[in-house]
Protein backbone atom coordinates (compact mmCIF):
# COMPACT_ATOMS: atom_id res chain seq x y z
CA MET A 1 -0.01 0.11 -0.17
CA LYS A 2 2.68 2.37 0.82
CA SER A 3 4.62 1.87 -2.37
CA GLN A 4 1.31 2.92 -4.24
CA PHE A 5 0.61 5.94 -2.07
CA VAL A 6 3.91 7.56 -2.88
CA PRO A 7 3.50 7.86 -6.58
CA LEU A 8 0.13 8.81 -6.07
CA VAL A 9 1.10 11.84 -3.74
CA LEU A 10 4.00 12.80 -6.28
CA THR A 11 1.46 12.55 -9.17
CA ALA A 12 -0.98 14.80 -7.58
CA GLY A 13 1.63 17.09 -6.59
CA LEU A 14 2.91 17.59 -9.89
CA VAL A 15 -0.67 17.96 -11.43
CA THR A 16 -1.41 20.81 -8.71
CA LEU A 17 1.90 22.37 -9.76
CA GLY A 18 1.07 22.36 -13.37
CA SER A 19 -2.06 24.02 -12.99
CA LEU A 20 -0.84 26.56 -10.67
CA THR A 21 2.15 27.05 -13.30
CA LEU A 22 -0.49 27.57 -16.01
CA SER A 23 -2.59 29.73 -14.16
CA ALA A 24 0.39 31.93 -13.09
CA GLN A 25 1.39 32.49 -16.84
CA ASN A 26 0.35 35.83 -17.42
CA GLN A 27 1.56 38.50 -19.98
CA VAL A 28 5.37 39.46 -20.40
CA GLU A 29 5.22 43.26 -21.22
CA THR A 30 8.46 45.36 -22.02
CA ALA A 31 9.32 48.77 -21.44
CA LYS A 32 12.26 50.94 -22.30
CA ILE A 33 13.09 52.97 -19.13
CA PRO A 34 15.26 56.14 -19.91
CA PHE A 35 16.34 56.69 -16.40
CA ALA A 36 17.69 55.06 -13.35
CA PHE A 37 14.99 54.11 -10.83
CA GLN A 38 14.28 52.22 -7.61
CA ALA A 39 11.98 49.19 -7.13
CA ASN A 40 11.85 47.50 -3.78
CA HIS A 41 14.63 49.34 -2.27
CA THR A 42 16.95 48.38 -5.06
CA ALA A 43 18.60 50.58 -7.50
CA LEU A 44 18.04 49.74 -11.29
CA GLU A 45 19.67 51.08 -14.30
CA ALA A 46 18.08 52.73 -17.26
CA GLY A 47 17.37 50.43 -20.13
CA ASP A 48 14.87 47.86 -21.47
CA TYR A 49 13.04 45.64 -19.18
CA LYS A 50 10.50 42.80 -19.40
CA VAL A 51 7.76 43.01 -16.81
CA GLU A 52 6.00 39.88 -16.02
CA GLN A 53 3.10 39.30 -13.48
CA LEU A 54 3.90 36.24 -11.45
CA ASN A 55 0.50 35.85 -9.72
CA ASN A 56 -2.82 37.61 -8.98
CA GLY A 57 -1.43 39.06 -5.81
CA GLY A 58 0.58 41.68 -7.21
CA THR A 59 3.81 40.11 -7.61
CA PHE A 60 5.98 40.89 -10.61
CA GLN A 61 9.36 40.20 -12.14
CA LEU A 62 11.30 42.86 -13.87
CA MET A 63 14.17 41.58 -15.82
CA SER A 64 16.53 43.71 -17.59
CA SER A 65 18.21 43.14 -20.85
CA ASN A 66 21.50 42.75 -19.41
CA GLY A 67 20.37 39.74 -16.92
CA HIS A 68 19.56 41.65 -13.70
CA SER A 69 16.21 40.58 -12.40
CA ILE A 70 14.09 41.60 -9.25
CA PHE A 71 10.90 40.75 -7.93
CA VAL A 72 8.41 43.57 -7.06
CA SER A 73 5.42 43.42 -4.99
CA VAL A 74 2.57 45.61 -5.78
CA PRO A 75 -0.30 44.43 -3.57
CA ALA A 76 -2.97 47.19 -4.08
CA LYS A 77 -4.95 46.16 -7.15
CA VAL A 78 -7.18 48.54 -8.72
CA GLU A 79 -9.82 46.81 -10.95
CA GLY A 80 -12.44 48.01 -13.38
CA THR A 81 -10.63 51.21 -14.34
CA ARG A 82 -11.01 52.61 -17.75
CA ASN A 83 -7.41 52.88 -18.01
CA THR A 84 -6.59 50.36 -21.11
CA ASP A 85 -3.12 51.78 -21.90
CA PRO A 86 -0.47 49.39 -20.27
CA HIS A 87 2.30 51.35 -18.73
CA LEU A 88 4.72 51.84 -15.70
CA THR A 89 4.46 54.93 -13.50
CA PHE A 90 7.25 56.22 -11.48
CA ALA A 91 7.34 59.02 -8.68
CA CYS A 92 10.27 61.14 -9.20
CA TYR A 93 11.71 63.80 -6.96
CA GLN A 94 15.02 65.62 -7.59
CA GLY A 95 16.20 63.09 -9.98
CA ASN A 96 15.49 60.17 -7.88
CA CYS A 97 12.70 57.90 -9.48
CA VAL A 98 10.80 54.83 -7.71
CA LEU A 99 8.58 52.50 -9.41
CA SER A 100 4.98 53.35 -7.89
CA GLN A 101 2.49 51.61 -10.41
CA ILE A 102 2.05 48.91 -12.78
CA TRP A 103 -0.82 48.98 -15.30
CA LEU A 104 -1.45 45.76 -17.53
CA PRO A 105 -3.20 45.48 -20.80
CA GLY A 106 -7.07 45.48 -20.14
CA GLY A 107 -7.05 48.04 -17.48
CA ASP A 108 -6.15 46.48 -14.29
CA GLY A 109 -3.57 48.31 -12.19
CA TYR A 110 -1.29 47.49 -9.07
CA VAL A 111 -0.42 50.49 -6.98
CA ARG A 112 2.28 50.58 -4.23
CA SER A 113 1.36 52.63 -1.13
CA ASP A 114 2.25 56.13 -1.02
CA SER A 115 4.25 55.25 2.40
CA ALA A 116 6.32 52.39 0.40
CA VAL A 117 7.07 54.90 -2.28
CA SER A 118 7.84 57.83 -0.20
CA HIS A 119 10.15 55.44 1.82
CA ASP A 120 12.11 54.58 -1.39
CA LEU A 121 12.25 58.29 -2.17
CA GLN A 122 13.03 59.50 1.39
CA ARG A 123 10.96 62.15 0.65
CA LYS A 124 7.28 63.18 0.81
CA ILE A 125 5.41 61.86 -2.06
CA GLY A 126 3.16 64.77 -2.56
CA MET A 127 6.37 66.70 -3.95
CA ALA A 128 7.04 63.96 -6.38
CA SER A 129 6.19 64.30 -10.24
CA MET A 130 4.87 61.19 -12.01
CA ILE A 131 6.23 59.94 -15.23
CA SER A 132 4.78 56.97 -17.06
CA ILE A 133 6.45 54.54 -19.39
CA ARG A 134 4.28 52.59 -21.85
CA LEU A 135 4.47 48.86 -22.01
CA THR A 136 4.53 46.95 -24.98
CA HIS A 137 3.86 43.28 -25.85
């Protein structure tokens, strides 16, 4: 009985993992970001980036063309907006820019809290200007 149970559990685990992987396969968008910026308290260079949504909980992976990668959590999802133009929004203050929003095709947006963004900027968010960079497929 034990010898049959292990393969059954392994098979069930692989099926579950496969279905999670399929459900987490979301769009991969690209962006050409012409300035250095911060995301999750990490400094990133200007350049071409792929933006991939890893799950519906607001976890994204940003991958630069030179191989650097970072995971970004943007948990506040904004649904049902009329904004269908996919883009990244950055809060910038005195030359320091921080990723603050990710807007996907179809209108769903993910917004970092003002406190997280202002912590990255070490400034008040109200003084920051906002810059949007278009995402392409």
